């Protein structure tokens, strides 16, 4: 699935939810740009899966931008429209995540 999502970025078949855009603007570590999301997706790996999410199953990707900024991207793939939907994006708080990939207990 991650390769399909990466391909959508390569061919500009990406839809950002209004929630994702809002969260990107107000992130507590500084605003997140579209190009940073693209960089993190291309570098990223799936760290959680949410198969029961509606209307599409989604995944949580951890990746780093070219400047090593860690990002979490929750996204889904819409088979009908052949596009990736960005549900939310944020810079993970290092106090809440182990290596940004596993939730702190």
C-alpha atoms as a PDB file:
ATOM      1  CA  UNK A   1       0.000   0.000   0.000  1.00  0.00           C
ATOM      2  CA  UNK A   2       2.800   2.446   0.741  1.00  0.00           C
ATOM      3  CA  UNK A   3       4.105   2.160  -2.827  1.00  0.00           C
ATOM      4  CA  UNK A   4       0.647   3.009  -4.161  1.00  0.00           C
ATOM      5  CA  UNK A   5       0.539   6.049  -1.872  1.00  0.00           C
ATOM      6  CA  UNK A   6       4.010   7.160  -2.972  1.00  0.00           C
ATOM      7  CA  UNK A   7       2.943   6.812  -6.593  1.00  0.00           C
ATOM      8  CA  UNK A   8      -0.046   9.088  -5.953  1.00  0.00           C
ATOM      9  CA  UNK A   9       2.349  11.796  -4.778  1.00  0.00           C
ATOM     10  CA  UNK A  10       4.446  11.303  -7.909  1.00  0.00           C
ATOM     11  CA  UNK A  11       1.410  11.821 -10.164  1.00  0.00           C
ATOM     12  CA  UNK A  12      -0.328  14.498  -8.037  1.00  0.00           C
ATOM     13  CA  UNK A  13      -3.286  12.325  -7.032  1.00  0.00           C
ATOM     14  CA  UNK A  14      -3.403  13.495  -3.402  1.00  0.00           C
ATOM     15  CA  UNK A  15      -6.321  15.042  -1.534  1.00  0.00           C
ATOM     16  CA  UNK A  16      -5.741  16.741   1.823  1.00  0.00           C
ATOM     17  CA  UNK A  17      -8.682  16.766   4.237  1.00  0.00           C
ATOM     18  CA  UNK A  18      -9.552  20.131   5.725  1.00  0.00           C
ATOM     19  CA  UNK A  19      -8.536  18.673   9.091  1.00  0.00           C
ATOM     20  CA  UNK A  20      -5.076  17.783   7.743  1.00  0.00           C
ATOM     21  CA  UNK A  21      -4.550  21.265   6.298  1.00  0.00           C
ATOM     22  CA  UNK A  22      -5.611  22.890   9.562  1.00  0.00           C
ATOM     23  CA  UNK A  23      -3.331  20.658  11.643  1.00  0.00           C
ATOM     24  CA  UNK A  24      -0.434  21.352   9.283  1.00  0.00           C
ATOM     25  CA  UNK A  25      -0.877  25.095   9.780  1.00  0.00           C
ATOM     26  CA  UNK A  26      -1.074  25.010  13.580  1.00  0.00           C
ATOM     27  CA  UNK A  27       1.397  22.238  14.443  1.00  0.00           C
ATOM     28  CA  UNK A  28       3.067  23.068  17.767  1.00  0.00           C
ATOM     29  CA  UNK A  29       6.530  22.496  16.285  1.00  0.00           C
ATOM     30  CA  UNK A  30       5.881  24.849  13.349  1.00  0.00           C
ATOM     31  CA  UNK A  31       3.746  24.734  10.233  1.00  0.00           C
ATOM     32  CA  UNK A  32       4.159  21.751   7.942  1.00  0.00           C
ATOM     33  CA  UNK A  33       4.440  22.294   4.198  1.00  0.00           C
ATOM     34  CA  UNK A  34       3.057  20.054   1.445  1.00  0.00           C
ATOM     35  CA  UNK A  35       6.550  19.312   0.143  1.00  0.00           C
ATOM     36  CA  UNK A  36       7.556  18.096   3.622  1.00  0.00           C
ATOM     37  CA  UNK A  37       4.668  15.633   3.605  1.00  0.00           C
ATOM     38  CA  UNK A  38       5.809  14.364   0.213  1.00  0.00           C
ATOM     39  CA  UNK A  39       9.409  13.978   1.427  1.00  0.00           C
ATOM     40  CA  UNK A  40       8.291  12.116   4.564  1.00  0.00           C
ATOM     41  CA  UNK A  41       6.029   9.785   2.576  1.00  0.00           C
ATOM     42  CA  UNK A  42       8.860   8.878   0.204  1.00  0.00           C
ATOM     43  CA  UNK A  43      11.179   8.200   3.149  1.00  0.00           C
ATOM     44  CA  UNK A  44       8.514   6.669   5.374  1.00  0.00           C
ATOM     45  CA  UNK A  45       7.310   3.365   6.652  1.00  0.00           C
ATOM     46  CA  UNK A  46       3.994   2.134   7.967  1.00  0.00           C
ATOM     47  CA  UNK A  47       3.994   2.016  11.772  1.00  0.00           C
ATOM     48  CA  UNK A  48       0.281   1.426  12.429  1.00  0.00           C
ATOM     49  CA  UNK A  49      -2.674   0.175  10.406  1.00  0.00           C
ATOM     50  CA  UNK A  50      -6.336   1.001  10.933  1.00  0.00           C
ATOM     51  CA  UNK A  51      -8.236  -1.527   8.794  1.00  0.00           C
ATOM     52  CA  UNK A  52     -11.637  -0.632  10.277  1.00  0.00           C
ATOM     53  CA  UNK A  53     -11.461   3.106   9.535  1.00  0.00           C
ATOM     54  CA  UNK A  54     -14.320   4.436   7.430  1.00  0.00           C
ATOM     55  CA  UNK A  55     -14.850   5.253   4.654  1.00  0.00           C
ATOM     56  CA  UNK A  56     -11.409   3.765   3.834  1.00  0.00           C
ATOM     57  CA  UNK A  57      -8.893   1.733   5.816  1.00  0.00           C
ATOM     58  CA  UNK A  58      -5.990   3.976   6.762  1.00  0.00           C
ATOM     59  CA  UNK A  59      -2.386   3.764   7.875  1.00  0.00           C
ATOM     60  CA  UNK A  60       0.008   5.806   9.974  1.00  0.00           C
ATOM     61  CA  UNK A  61       3.287   6.517   8.227  1.00  0.00           C
ATOM     62  CA  UNK A  62       6.401   7.737   9.994  1.00  0.00           C
ATOM     63  CA  UNK A  63       8.916   9.499   7.797  1.00  0.00           C
ATOM     64  CA  UNK A  64      11.474  12.249   7.867  1.00  0.00           C
ATOM     65  CA  UNK A  65      11.798  15.237   5.602  1.00  0.00           C
ATOM     66  CA  UNK A  66      15.043  15.933   3.773  1.00  0.00           C
ATOM     67  CA  UNK A  67      15.972  18.185   6.711  1.00  0.00           C
ATOM     68  CA  UNK A  68      15.321  15.257   9.143  1.00  0.00           C
ATOM     69  CA  UNK A  69      12.056  16.638  10.527  1.00  0.00           C
ATOM     70  CA  UNK A  70      10.004  13.680  11.804  1.00  0.00           C
ATOM     71  CA  UNK A  71       6.399  13.538  10.610  1.00  0.00           C
ATOM     72  CA  UNK A  72       3.416  11.282  11.119  1.00  0.00           C
ATOM     73  CA  UNK A  73       0.943  11.089   8.257  1.00  0.00           C
ATOM     74  CA  UNK A  74      -2.381   9.291   8.529  1.00  0.00           C
ATOM     75  CA  UNK A  75      -3.608   8.498   5.055  1.00  0.00           C
ATOM     76  CA  UNK A  76      -5.918   6.244   3.101  1.00  0.00           C
ATOM     77  CA  UNK A  77      -6.204   5.118  -0.476  1.00  0.00           C
ATOM     78  CA  UNK A  78      -9.433   5.621  -2.421  1.00  0.00           C
ATOM     79  CA  UNK A  79      -9.580   2.812  -4.990  1.00  0.00           C
ATOM     80  CA  UNK A  80     -12.555   4.337  -6.785  1.00  0.00           C
ATOM     81  CA  UNK A  81     -10.837   7.643  -7.523  1.00  0.00           C
ATOM     82  CA  UNK A  82      -7.281   6.217  -7.492  1.00  0.00           C
ATOM     83  CA  UNK A  83      -6.031   8.835  -5.051  1.00  0.00           C
ATOM     84  CA  UNK A  84      -4.427   9.138  -1.647  1.00  0.00           C
ATOM     85  CA  UNK A  85      -6.360  10.965   1.026  1.00  0.00           C
ATOM     86  CA  UNK A  86      -4.331  12.687   3.737  1.00  0.00           C
ATOM     87  CA  UNK A  87      -6.391  12.482   6.928  1.00  0.00           C
ATOM     88  CA  UNK A  88      -3.971  14.266   9.253  1.00  0.00           C
ATOM     89  CA  UNK A  89      -0.324  15.260   9.526  1.00  0.00           C
ATOM     90  CA  UNK A  90       1.671  16.228  12.595  1.00  0.00           C
ATOM     91  CA  UNK A  91       5.160  16.282  14.017  1.00  0.00           C
ATOM     92  CA  UNK A  92       5.152  13.667  16.771  1.00  0.00           C
ATOM     93  CA  UNK A  93       6.008  14.750  20.291  1.00  0.00           C
ATOM     94  CA  UNK A  94       9.208  12.907  21.327  1.00  0.00           C
ATOM     95  CA  UNK A  95       7.793  12.603  24.859  1.00  0.00           C
ATOM     96  CA  UNK A  96       4.879  10.530  23.553  1.00  0.00           C
ATOM     97  CA  UNK A  97       6.723   8.281  21.081  1.00  0.00           C
ATOM     98  CA  UNK A  98       9.744   5.975  21.274  1.00  0.00           C
ATOM     99  CA  UNK A  99      11.918   6.814  18.260  1.00  0.00           C
ATOM    100  CA  UNK A 100       8.759   8.384  16.798  1.00  0.00           C
ATOM    101  CA  UNK A 101       7.587   4.884  15.902  1.00  0.00           C
ATOM    102  CA  UNK A 102       6.049   3.335  19.018  1.00  0.00           C
ATOM    103  CA  UNK A 103       3.728   4.989  21.495  1.00  0.00           C
ATOM    104  CA  UNK A 104       5.142   5.599  24.981  1.00  0.00           C
ATOM    105  CA  UNK A 105       3.446   3.538  27.647  1.00  0.00           C
END
